[in-house]
């Protein structure tokens, strides 16, 4: 392979191997930085509105903890984390000279994930800032930028949009703007997720549990946002940060245990409101109660006290795990670790194949052109390549470019976004043979739709889905790779 083509192929290989790159977007005070800390597993991003929250900040893995303030000319000013292990409030560089903040951490969470915290939108009419646009969605802006800056400017693989209460029309417009500016997402909602944060602030049910309200509300919001996100996940961001960042100490848990031992009537009054919780006389110090409020808020405290009251000998580790589950964060983590990573690999593969096609067309030597085109043909013939075809038609349908009956759209989306046969077919507990027959029936149904009654655009989608279910049936029978 000639030098220029070989160099371009090495660049493609490097980009494919990069960690999943997730942009966190949303309004001011929606809890974006709290979610960033939860994803990182450390409390590093400031959660109070300040200089840092008005800048694009990238968090990635490194061999040491370091904060680099990257100027617009590409030069860097390095800072240590402050005494609390967080980004310093003062960055020592004039605001108008800063392009973005690059934070490297030794956190293992960042080995396979790069997190980008974007400035919060402060009003319904505010557009995405130029810094955010350049950082996330445009090609490198100058040839003389260093390699780290070029990598940082290469684009987002996935977007998590954080909102509270109900989503508004301009939230949808912001997501559409993010998508259309992202070269990797290519206006595709399948790698965008809505995060319904602070659900503990919803009016609770009589037993103090907001989840019976949050779940149906999230489903209704998912319908509103169905053309811009793949799903809406409800979370209690503060609980997620406290448990994932290891902020709850043994002393905190003992204070909760003491509260759980109070007489029921006294405990009920104490936990009725935040003001009462910190102002009333109690065997737990006021300073400790204020700390518990900062870590858990009233919902988390109520949750922990209720479980410790029912099980006084519960271990600290078990309590932390229960609080983590109550945050709703495991579902977000699973989506990022499994679903988004799977889809991103396919999206990256598609982009890589397109670039290889271009390299082949521009190659000076005939043998290089033939070598690259033969390699592309071999990849396209692999059953696993059909994953990319499914994502391509999912993009057309989920954006509304091609209309399908609602039930068929839901079935196609499950097939495109998962490798779990039970979930795709709605037969999670069914034996393998029953799932295989269901996959064959689905393939037959989509084939019939493709040749009878579908428009040309619908027919093209249906043929791709038909083959997807056919390959799924083969996989379930063990006769083919998928």
Protein backbone atom coordinates (compact mmCIF):
# COMPACT_ATOMS: atom_id res chain seq x y z
CA UNK A 1 0.00 0.00 0.00
CA UNK A 2 1.42 3.41 -1.05
CA UNK A 3 2.39 5.86 1.69
CA UNK A 4 -0.51 8.34 1.50
CA UNK A 5 -3.22 5.66 1.34
CA UNK A 6 -1.56 3.71 4.16
CA UNK A 7 -1.46 6.82 6.34
CA UNK A 8 -5.16 7.49 5.73
CA UNK A 9 -6.03 3.87 6.59
CA UNK A 10 -4.05 4.15 9.83
CA UNK A 11 -6.04 7.28 10.66
CA UNK A 12 -9.30 5.39 10.08
CA UNK A 13 -8.10 2.56 12.32
CA UNK A 14 -7.24 5.03 15.08
CA UNK A 15 -10.66 6.72 14.91
CA UNK A 16 -12.53 3.41 15.08
CA UNK A 17 -10.62 2.43 18.23
CA UNK A 18 -11.46 5.65 20.08
CA UNK A 19 -13.73 5.36 23.16
CA UNK A 20 -17.44 6.05 22.89
CA UNK A 21 -17.82 9.84 22.91
CA UNK A 22 -20.95 11.09 24.70
CA UNK A 23 -22.07 14.72 24.76
CA UNK A 24 -24.21 15.83 27.71
CA UNK A 25 -26.57 18.68 26.79
CA UNK A 26 -29.46 20.48 28.47
CA UNK A 27 -30.59 23.62 30.24
CA UNK A 28 -28.87 25.40 33.08
CA UNK A 29 -29.57 23.70 36.42
CA UNK A 30 -30.94 20.58 34.74
CA UNK A 31 -28.31 18.55 36.59
CA UNK A 32 -25.92 17.92 33.68
CA UNK A 33 -22.71 18.16 35.71
CA UNK A 34 -24.16 15.88 38.40
CA UNK A 35 -24.77 13.27 35.70
CA UNK A 36 -21.26 13.82 34.32
CA UNK A 37 -19.81 13.04 37.76
CA UNK A 38 -21.99 9.93 37.95
CA UNK A 39 -20.68 8.69 34.61
CA UNK A 40 -17.07 9.40 35.55
CA UNK A 41 -17.42 7.85 39.01
CA UNK A 42 -15.78 10.88 40.67
CA UNK A 43 -17.01 14.32 41.70
CA UNK A 44 -14.86 16.42 39.39
CA UNK A 45 -17.27 18.66 37.45
CA UNK A 46 -18.55 21.68 39.42
CA UNK A 47 -22.32 21.48 39.93
CA UNK A 48 -22.82 25.15 40.85
CA UNK A 49 -23.16 27.68 38.03
CA UNK A 50 -19.76 29.30 37.49
CA UNK A 51 -17.00 29.87 34.94
CA UNK A 52 -16.52 26.18 34.19
CA UNK A 53 -20.19 25.46 33.57
CA UNK A 54 -20.19 28.06 30.77
CA UNK A 55 -17.45 26.23 28.85
CA UNK A 56 -17.27 23.02 26.90
CA UNK A 57 -15.41 20.52 29.10
CA UNK A 58 -14.08 17.19 27.94
CA UNK A 59 -13.33 14.33 30.37
CA UNK A 60 -11.13 11.52 29.08
CA UNK A 61 -8.78 8.86 30.38
CA UNK A 62 -5.16 9.75 31.11
CA UNK A 63 -2.21 8.46 33.09
CA UNK A 64 -2.49 11.40 35.51
CA UNK A 65 -5.16 13.80 36.76
CA UNK A 66 -4.78 17.10 34.92
CA UNK A 67 -6.80 20.09 33.76
CA UNK A 68 -5.73 21.75 30.50
CA UNK A 69 -7.34 25.04 29.51
CA UNK A 70 -7.10 24.99 25.71
CA UNK A 71 -6.87 28.43 24.17
CA UNK A 72 -8.34 29.33 20.80
CA UNK A 73 -4.85 29.30 19.27
CA UNK A 74 -4.36 25.69 20.39
CA UNK A 75 -1.93 26.43 23.26
CA UNK A 76 -2.60 24.95 26.69
CA UNK A 77 -2.48 26.20 30.26
CA UNK A 78 -2.23 23.30 32.74
CA UNK A 79 -3.76 23.31 36.21
CA UNK A 80 -4.05 20.74 39.01
CA UNK A 81 -7.41 19.75 40.43
CA UNK A 82 -8.32 21.72 43.54
CA UNK A 83 -8.13 20.38 47.10
CA UNK A 84 -11.55 18.74 46.74
CA UNK A 85 -10.43 16.96 43.58
CA UNK A 86 -12.56 19.17 41.33
CA UNK A 87 -11.87 21.50 38.40
CA UNK A 88 -10.70 24.84 39.85
CA UNK A 89 -13.31 27.58 39.79
CA UNK A 90 -10.75 30.05 38.39
CA UNK A 91 -9.01 28.88 35.23
CA UNK A 92 -6.39 31.69 35.06
CA UNK A 93 -7.09 32.34 31.36
CA UNK A 94 -9.39 35.12 30.08
CA UNK A 95 -12.78 33.70 29.14
CA UNK A 96 -12.69 35.03 25.57
CA UNK A 97 -9.40 33.19 24.93
CA UNK A 98 -10.69 29.76 26.00
CA UNK A 99 -11.79 27.21 23.42
CA UNK A 100 -12.54 24.36 25.83
CA UNK A 101 -11.31 22.62 28.98
CA UNK A 102 -9.63 19.24 28.58
CA UNK A 103 -9.63 17.09 31.74
CA UNK A 104 -7.69 13.83 31.90
CA UNK A 105 -8.37 11.46 34.79
CA UNK A 106 -7.09 8.08 35.89
CA UNK A 107 -10.69 6.86 36.32
CA UNK A 108 -11.19 3.41 34.78
CA UNK A 109 -14.70 4.52 33.78
CA UNK A 110 -13.08 6.69 31.10
CA UNK A 111 -11.06 3.93 29.42
CA UNK A 112 -14.04 3.19 27.18
CA UNK A 113 -15.93 6.46 27.47
CA UNK A 114 -15.16 10.11 26.79
CA UNK A 115 -17.70 12.53 28.31
CA UNK A 116 -18.26 16.06 27.00
CA UNK A 117 -20.16 18.48 29.25
CA UNK A 118 -21.65 21.32 27.19
CA UNK A 119 -22.74 24.78 28.42
CA UNK A 120 -26.32 24.85 29.65
CA UNK A 121 -28.98 26.69 27.71
CA UNK A 122 -30.29 29.55 29.83
CA UNK A 123 -33.33 30.60 27.79
CA UNK A 124 -35.80 29.17 25.32
CA UNK A 125 -34.38 31.32 22.53
CA UNK A 126 -30.69 30.67 23.11
CA UNK A 127 -28.93 28.84 20.30
CA UNK A 128 -26.09 26.40 20.73
CA UNK A 129 -22.87 28.33 21.36
CA UNK A 130 -20.17 28.60 18.72
CA UNK A 131 -17.77 26.82 21.10
CA UNK A 132 -20.11 23.85 21.46
CA UNK A 133 -20.73 23.72 17.73
CA UNK A 134 -17.02 23.74 16.87
CA UNK A 135 -16.05 21.33 19.63
CA UNK A 136 -18.64 18.65 18.98
CA UNK A 137 -19.69 18.81 15.40
CA UNK A 138 -17.19 20.38 13.04
CA UNK A 139 -13.98 19.12 11.55
CA UNK A 140 -10.72 20.42 13.05
CA UNK A 141 -10.63 24.19 12.54
CA UNK A 142 -6.91 24.60 11.87
CA UNK A 143 -4.10 22.42 10.55
CA UNK A 144 -1.68 23.55 13.26
CA UNK A 145 -3.73 22.25 16.20
CA UNK A 146 -2.06 19.50 18.22
CA UNK A 147 -3.27 15.89 17.99
CA UNK A 148 -5.24 16.07 21.26
CA UNK A 149 -7.17 19.09 20.05
CA UNK A 150 -7.90 17.47 16.70
CA UNK A 151 -9.18 14.36 18.47
CA UNK A 152 -11.36 16.46 20.76
CA UNK A 153 -12.92 18.22 17.78
CA UNK A 154 -13.79 15.06 15.87
CA UNK A 155 -17.47 14.79 16.86
CA UNK A 156 -19.89 13.09 19.26
CA UNK A 157 -20.94 9.45 18.95
CA UNK A 158 -23.97 9.89 21.21
CA UNK A 159 -25.96 12.66 22.85
CA UNK A 160 -27.67 12.59 26.25
CA UNK A 161 -30.12 15.47 26.62
CA UNK A 162 -30.96 16.25 30.26
CA UNK A 163 -34.26 17.88 31.17
CA UNK A 164 -36.53 18.23 34.19
CA UNK A 165 -40.32 18.30 34.48
CA UNK A 166 -41.65 18.09 30.91
CA UNK A 167 -39.83 18.59 27.63
CA UNK A 168 -40.72 21.72 25.68
CA UNK A 169 -40.85 22.47 21.96
CA UNK A 170 -37.54 24.32 22.02
CA UNK A 171 -35.87 21.33 23.74
CA UNK A 172 -36.80 19.27 20.69
CA UNK A 173 -35.42 21.99 18.41
CA UNK A 174 -32.13 22.00 20.32
CA UNK A 175 -31.83 18.24 19.92
CA UNK A 176 -32.55 18.56 16.21
CA UNK A 177 -29.78 21.17 16.00
CA UNK A 178 -27.32 18.89 17.81
CA UNK A 179 -28.17 16.01 15.49
CA UNK A 180 -27.95 17.91 12.24
CA UNK A 181 -24.55 19.33 13.22
CA UNK A 182 -23.07 15.97 14.13
CA UNK A 183 -21.22 14.30 11.30
CA UNK A 184 -21.14 10.97 13.12
CA UNK A 185 -24.78 10.88 14.13
CA UNK A 186 -25.90 12.03 10.67
CA UNK A 187 -29.25 13.37 11.95
CA UNK A 188 -29.95 10.01 13.53
CA UNK A 189 -31.97 9.81 16.79
CA UNK A 190 -30.92 6.24 17.54
CA UNK A 191 -27.83 7.40 19.44
CA UNK A 192 -29.60 10.21 21.27
CA UNK A 193 -31.17 9.68 24.68
CA UNK A 194 -33.47 11.85 26.77
CA UNK A 195 -32.64 11.91 30.48
CA UNK A 196 -35.57 12.91 32.70
CA UNK A 197 -33.66 14.13 35.76
CA UNK A 198 -34.71 15.09 39.31
CA UNK A 199 -37.80 12.89 39.29
CA UNK A 200 -37.68 12.96 43.10
CA UNK A 201 -39.04 16.50 42.79
CA UNK A 202 -42.28 15.19 41.30
CA UNK A 203 -45.32 15.08 43.58
CA UNK A 204 -44.84 11.74 45.32
CA UNK A 205 -47.43 9.02 45.73
CA UNK A 206 -48.88 8.50 49.25
CA UNK A 207 -45.96 6.23 50.19
CA UNK A 208 -43.40 8.86 49.12
CA UNK A 209 -42.28 7.02 45.95
CA UNK A 210 -42.05 9.20 42.80
CA UNK A 211 -41.44 6.28 40.44
CA UNK A 212 -45.13 5.41 39.82
CA UNK A 213 -45.49 8.98 38.51
CA UNK A 214 -42.12 9.16 36.76
CA UNK A 215 -42.41 5.98 34.68
CA UNK A 216 -45.64 6.84 32.81
CA UNK A 217 -44.53 10.47 32.47
CA UNK A 218 -41.25 9.31 30.92
CA UNK A 219 -43.12 7.13 28.45
CA UNK A 220 -45.31 10.07 27.41
CA UNK A 221 -42.22 12.26 27.00
CA UNK A 222 -40.60 9.53 24.89
CA UNK A 223 -43.57 9.75 22.50
CA UNK A 224 -43.16 13.53 22.24
CA UNK A 225 -39.43 13.11 21.52
CA UNK A 226 -39.66 9.94 19.42
CA UNK A 227 -38.18 11.64 16.33
CA UNK A 228 -35.16 13.02 18.18
CA UNK A 229 -34.24 10.41 20.84
CA UNK A 230 -34.35 6.63 21.04
CA UNK A 231 -35.69 6.58 24.60
CA UNK A 232 -36.30 8.67 27.73
CA UNK A 233 -34.78 7.42 31.00
CA UNK A 234 -35.96 8.78 34.38
CA UNK A 235 -33.24 9.30 37.01
CA UNK A 236 -32.48 10.89 40.36
CA UNK A 237 -29.14 12.44 39.42
CA UNK A 238 -28.08 13.38 42.94
CA UNK A 239 -28.44 9.80 44.18
CA UNK A 240 -26.50 8.59 41.18
CA UNK A 241 -23.62 11.00 41.83
CA UNK A 242 -23.49 10.25 45.56
CA UNK A 243 -23.38 6.48 45.10
CA UNK A 244 -21.26 6.28 41.93
CA UNK A 245 -18.68 8.79 43.18
CA UNK A 246 -18.41 7.00 46.55
CA UNK A 247 -19.44 10.06 48.54
CA UNK A 248 -21.56 8.27 51.16
CA UNK A 249 -19.29 7.38 54.09
CA UNK A 250 -19.73 4.89 56.90
CA UNK A 251 -20.37 7.87 59.22
CA UNK A 252 -23.18 9.04 56.93
CA UNK A 253 -24.74 5.60 57.02
CA UNK A 254 -24.53 5.47 60.81
CA UNK A 255 -26.31 8.83 60.97
CA UNK A 256 -29.04 7.41 58.76
CA UNK A 257 -29.23 4.37 61.01
CA UNK A 258 -29.69 6.65 64.03
CA UNK A 259 -32.51 8.48 62.25
CA UNK A 260 -34.16 5.15 61.46
CA UNK A 261 -34.24 4.32 65.19
CA UNK A 262 -36.21 7.46 66.13
CA UNK A 263 -39.88 7.07 67.13
CA UNK A 264 -42.10 6.96 64.07
CA UNK A 265 -43.98 10.20 64.78
CA UNK A 266 -40.76 12.14 65.40
CA UNK A 267 -39.18 10.72 62.26
CA UNK A 268 -42.25 11.62 60.19
CA UNK A 269 -42.15 15.29 61.23
CA UNK A 270 -38.38 15.50 60.78
CA UNK A 271 -38.58 14.18 57.21
CA UNK A 272 -41.59 16.24 56.17
CA UNK A 273 -39.54 19.14 54.76
CA UNK A 274 -35.91 20.15 54.31
CA UNK A 275 -36.27 23.09 56.69
CA UNK A 276 -37.68 20.88 59.43
CA UNK A 277 -34.98 18.27 58.83
CA UNK A 278 -32.13 20.65 59.63
CA UNK A 279 -33.82 22.90 62.22
CA UNK A 280 -35.49 20.52 64.68
CA UNK A 281 -33.71 19.08 67.71
CA UNK A 282 -32.32 15.65 66.96
CA UNK A 283 -29.68 13.21 68.19
CA UNK A 284 -27.92 13.59 64.81
CA UNK A 285 -25.99 16.88 64.61
CA UNK A 286 -27.25 19.69 62.43
CA UNK A 287 -24.01 19.65 60.41
CA UNK A 288 -24.43 15.94 59.68
CA UNK A 289 -28.06 16.42 58.64
CA UNK A 290 -27.07 19.27 56.31
CA UNK A 291 -24.49 16.98 54.74
CA UNK A 292 -27.09 14.24 54.25
CA UNK A 293 -29.34 16.73 52.49
CA UNK A 294 -26.51 17.71 50.15
CA UNK A 295 -25.78 14.06 49.40
CA UNK A 296 -29.26 12.54 49.21
CA UNK A 297 -31.93 15.25 49.49
CA UNK A 298 -35.16 14.32 51.25
CA UNK A 299 -36.12 11.51 48.88
CA UNK A 300 -32.83 9.68 49.35
CA UNK A 301 -32.90 10.19 53.11
CA UNK A 302 -36.49 8.93 53.32
CA UNK A 303 -35.60 5.94 51.18
CA UNK A 304 -32.54 5.03 53.25
CA UNK A 305 -34.30 5.52 56.61
CA UNK A 306 -37.26 3.41 55.54
CA UNK A 307 -35.03 0.50 54.55
CA UNK A 308 -32.85 0.78 57.65
CA UNK A 309 -35.97 0.88 59.81
CA UNK A 310 -37.17 -2.35 58.19
CA UNK A 311 -33.70 -3.93 58.35
CA UNK A 312 -31.60 -2.36 61.16
CA UNK A 313 -28.60 -4.62 60.52
CA UNK A 314 -28.31 -3.79 56.81
CA UNK A 315 -24.66 -3.41 55.79
CA UNK A 316 -23.41 -0.08 54.45
CA UNK A 317 -22.54 -1.61 51.08
CA UNK A 318 -26.04 -3.04 50.70
CA UNK A 319 -27.59 0.34 51.51
CA UNK A 320 -25.41 2.10 48.91
CA UNK A 321 -26.38 -0.49 46.28
CA UNK A 322 -30.07 0.02 47.05
CA UNK A 323 -29.70 3.80 46.78
CA UNK A 324 -27.91 3.36 43.45
CA UNK A 325 -30.75 1.21 42.14
CA UNK A 326 -33.27 3.79 43.38
CA UNK A 327 -31.49 6.49 41.35
CA UNK A 328 -32.50 4.84 38.07
CA UNK A 329 -28.91 5.21 36.88
CA UNK A 330 -28.27 1.52 36.13
CA UNK A 331 -30.58 1.80 33.10
CA UNK A 332 -28.59 4.74 31.73
CA UNK A 333 -25.31 2.94 32.33
CA UNK A 334 -26.60 -0.16 30.56
CA UNK A 335 -27.76 1.91 27.58
CA UNK A 336 -24.34 3.55 27.23
CA UNK A 337 -22.30 0.40 27.87
CA UNK A 338 -24.32 -1.88 25.62
CA UNK A 339 -26.80 -0.26 23.25
CA UNK A 340 -24.94 2.95 22.40
CA UNK A 341 -21.61 1.16 22.11
CA UNK A 342 -23.15 -1.40 19.73
CA UNK A 343 -24.76 1.26 17.54
CA UNK A 344 -21.67 3.46 17.58
CA UNK A 345 -19.47 0.60 16.39
CA UNK A 346 -21.77 0.15 13.42
CA UNK A 347 -21.91 3.89 12.70
CA UNK A 348 -18.11 4.12 12.88
CA UNK A 349 -17.80 1.09 10.61
CA UNK A 350 -20.10 2.70 8.06
CA UNK A 351 -18.10 5.91 8.10
CA UNK A 352 -14.86 3.96 7.81
CA UNK A 353 -16.12 2.02 4.78
CA UNK A 354 -17.20 5.25 3.10
CA UNK A 355 -13.76 6.75 3.65
CA UNK A 356 -12.05 3.61 2.36
CA UNK A 357 -14.19 3.86 -0.79
CA UNK A 358 -12.92 7.43 -1.26
CA UNK A 359 -9.31 6.36 -0.66
CA UNK A 360 -9.71 3.54 -3.20
CA UNK A 361 -11.11 5.95 -5.79
CA UNK A 362 -8.20 8.35 -5.30
CA UNK A 363 -5.42 5.75 -5.08
CA UNK A 364 -2.73 6.19 -7.71
CA UNK A 365 -1.76 2.53 -8.03
CA UNK A 366 -4.17 0.05 -9.59
CA UNK A 367 -3.19 -2.68 -7.14
CA UNK A 368 -4.07 -0.43 -4.19
CA UNK A 369 -7.51 0.33 -5.65
CA UNK A 370 -8.25 -3.33 -6.27
CA UNK A 371 -6.97 -4.37 -2.84
CA UNK A 372 -9.19 -1.88 -1.04
CA UNK A 373 -12.28 -2.63 -3.13
CA UNK A 374 -11.85 -6.38 -2.62
CA UNK A 375 -11.62 -5.78 1.15
CA UNK A 376 -14.80 -3.68 1.11
CA UNK A 377 -16.63 -6.36 -0.87
CA UNK A 378 -15.64 -9.04 1.64
CA UNK A 379 -16.91 -6.89 4.53
CA UNK A 380 -20.22 -6.15 2.80
CA UNK A 381 -20.85 -9.86 2.27
CA UNK A 382 -20.52 -10.64 5.99
CA UNK A 383 -23.80 -11.22 7.89
CA UNK A 384 -22.59 -8.83 10.60
CA UNK A 385 -22.56 -6.02 8.02
CA UNK A 386 -26.34 -6.14 7.98
CA UNK A 387 -26.28 -4.39 11.36
CA UNK A 388 -25.26 -1.23 9.51
CA UNK A 389 -28.04 -1.64 6.96
CA UNK A 390 -30.55 -1.97 9.81
CA UNK A 391 -29.27 1.22 11.43
CA UNK A 392 -29.53 3.04 8.11
CA UNK A 393 -33.21 2.13 7.65
CA UNK A 394 -33.88 2.80 11.35
CA UNK A 395 -32.59 6.33 10.77
CA UNK A 396 -35.02 6.79 7.87
CA UNK A 397 -37.99 5.53 9.88
CA UNK A 398 -37.25 7.11 13.28
CA UNK A 399 -36.72 10.54 11.70
CA UNK A 400 -40.03 10.23 9.84
CA UNK A 401 -38.47 10.16 6.37
CA UNK A 402 -40.22 6.81 5.79
CA UNK A 403 -43.54 6.17 7.54
CA UNK A 404 -44.43 2.70 8.87
CA UNK A 405 -47.41 1.47 10.88
CA UNK A 406 -46.67 2.15 14.56
CA UNK A 407 -46.39 -1.53 15.57
CA UNK A 408 -44.04 -2.28 12.66
CA UNK A 409 -41.88 0.75 13.46
CA UNK A 410 -41.54 -0.44 17.06
CA UNK A 411 -40.58 -3.96 15.92
CA UNK A 412 -38.04 -2.64 13.40
CA UNK A 413 -36.52 -0.34 16.03
CA UNK A 414 -36.04 -3.21 18.49
CA UNK A 415 -34.33 -5.26 15.79
CA UNK A 416 -32.01 -2.42 14.83
CA UNK A 417 -31.09 -1.35 18.36
CA UNK A 418 -30.45 -4.66 20.12
CA UNK A 419 -28.80 -8.05 19.76
CA UNK A 420 -30.99 -9.61 22.45
CA UNK A 421 -33.42 -11.99 20.66
CA UNK A 422 -35.83 -12.20 23.59
CA UNK A 423 -36.20 -8.42 23.80
CA UNK A 424 -36.45 -7.99 20.04
CA UNK A 425 -39.21 -10.60 19.77
CA UNK A 426 -40.98 -9.79 23.04
CA UNK A 427 -40.28 -13.33 24.25
CA UNK A 428 -37.65 -12.85 26.95
CA UNK A 429 -38.65 -15.95 28.93
CA UNK A 430 -39.42 -18.19 25.94
CA UNK A 431 -37.22 -21.14 24.97
CA UNK A 432 -34.81 -20.82 22.06
CA UNK A 433 -36.96 -22.80 19.61
CA UNK A 434 -40.00 -20.62 20.23
CA UNK A 435 -37.90 -17.53 19.63
CA UNK A 436 -36.54 -19.01 16.40
CA UNK A 437 -40.05 -19.67 15.09
CA UNK A 438 -41.10 -16.14 16.04
CA UNK A 439 -38.14 -14.74 14.10
CA UNK A 440 -39.13 -16.78 11.03
CA UNK A 441 -42.73 -15.57 11.32
CA UNK A 442 -41.51 -11.96 11.56
CA UNK A 443 -39.28 -12.41 8.51
CA UNK A 444 -42.25 -13.82 6.56
CA UNK A 445 -44.49 -10.97 7.69
CA UNK A 446 -42.01 -8.30 6.59
CA UNK A 447 -41.46 -10.07 3.26
CA UNK A 448 -45.21 -10.04 2.63
CA UNK A 449 -45.40 -6.37 3.51
CA UNK A 450 -42.51 -5.57 1.15
CA UNK A 451 -44.18 -7.14 -1.89
CA UNK A 452 -47.80 -6.26 -1.16
CA UNK A 453 -49.12 -2.81 -0.34
CA UNK A 454 -45.89 -1.03 0.64
CA UNK A 455 -44.63 2.08 -1.14
CA UNK A 456 -41.23 1.80 -2.86
CA UNK A 457 -39.51 3.46 0.14
CA UNK A 458 -41.36 1.24 2.61
CA UNK A 459 -40.54 -1.81 0.52
CA UNK A 460 -36.81 -1.05 0.62
CA UNK A 461 -36.97 -0.77 4.42
CA UNK A 462 -39.06 -3.95 4.69
CA UNK A 463 -36.59 -6.00 2.65
CA UNK A 464 -33.76 -4.97 4.98
CA UNK A 465 -35.84 -5.85 8.06
CA UNK A 466 -36.90 -9.16 6.46
CA UNK A 467 -33.25 -10.14 6.05
CA UNK A 468 -32.51 -9.00 9.61
CA UNK A 469 -35.12 -11.36 11.05
CA UNK A 470 -33.94 -14.14 8.72
CA UNK A 471 -30.39 -13.74 10.06
CA UNK A 472 -31.75 -13.64 13.61
CA UNK A 473 -33.54 -16.96 13.00
CA UNK A 474 -30.28 -18.42 11.67
CA UNK A 475 -28.42 -17.21 14.72
CA UNK A 476 -31.01 -18.79 17.02
CA UNK A 477 -30.62 -22.08 15.16
CA UNK A 478 -26.82 -21.80 15.43
CA UNK A 479 -26.32 -21.94 11.67
CA UNK A 480 -24.88 -18.50 11.05
CA UNK A 481 -22.95 -15.66 12.65
CA UNK A 482 -24.88 -12.47 13.18
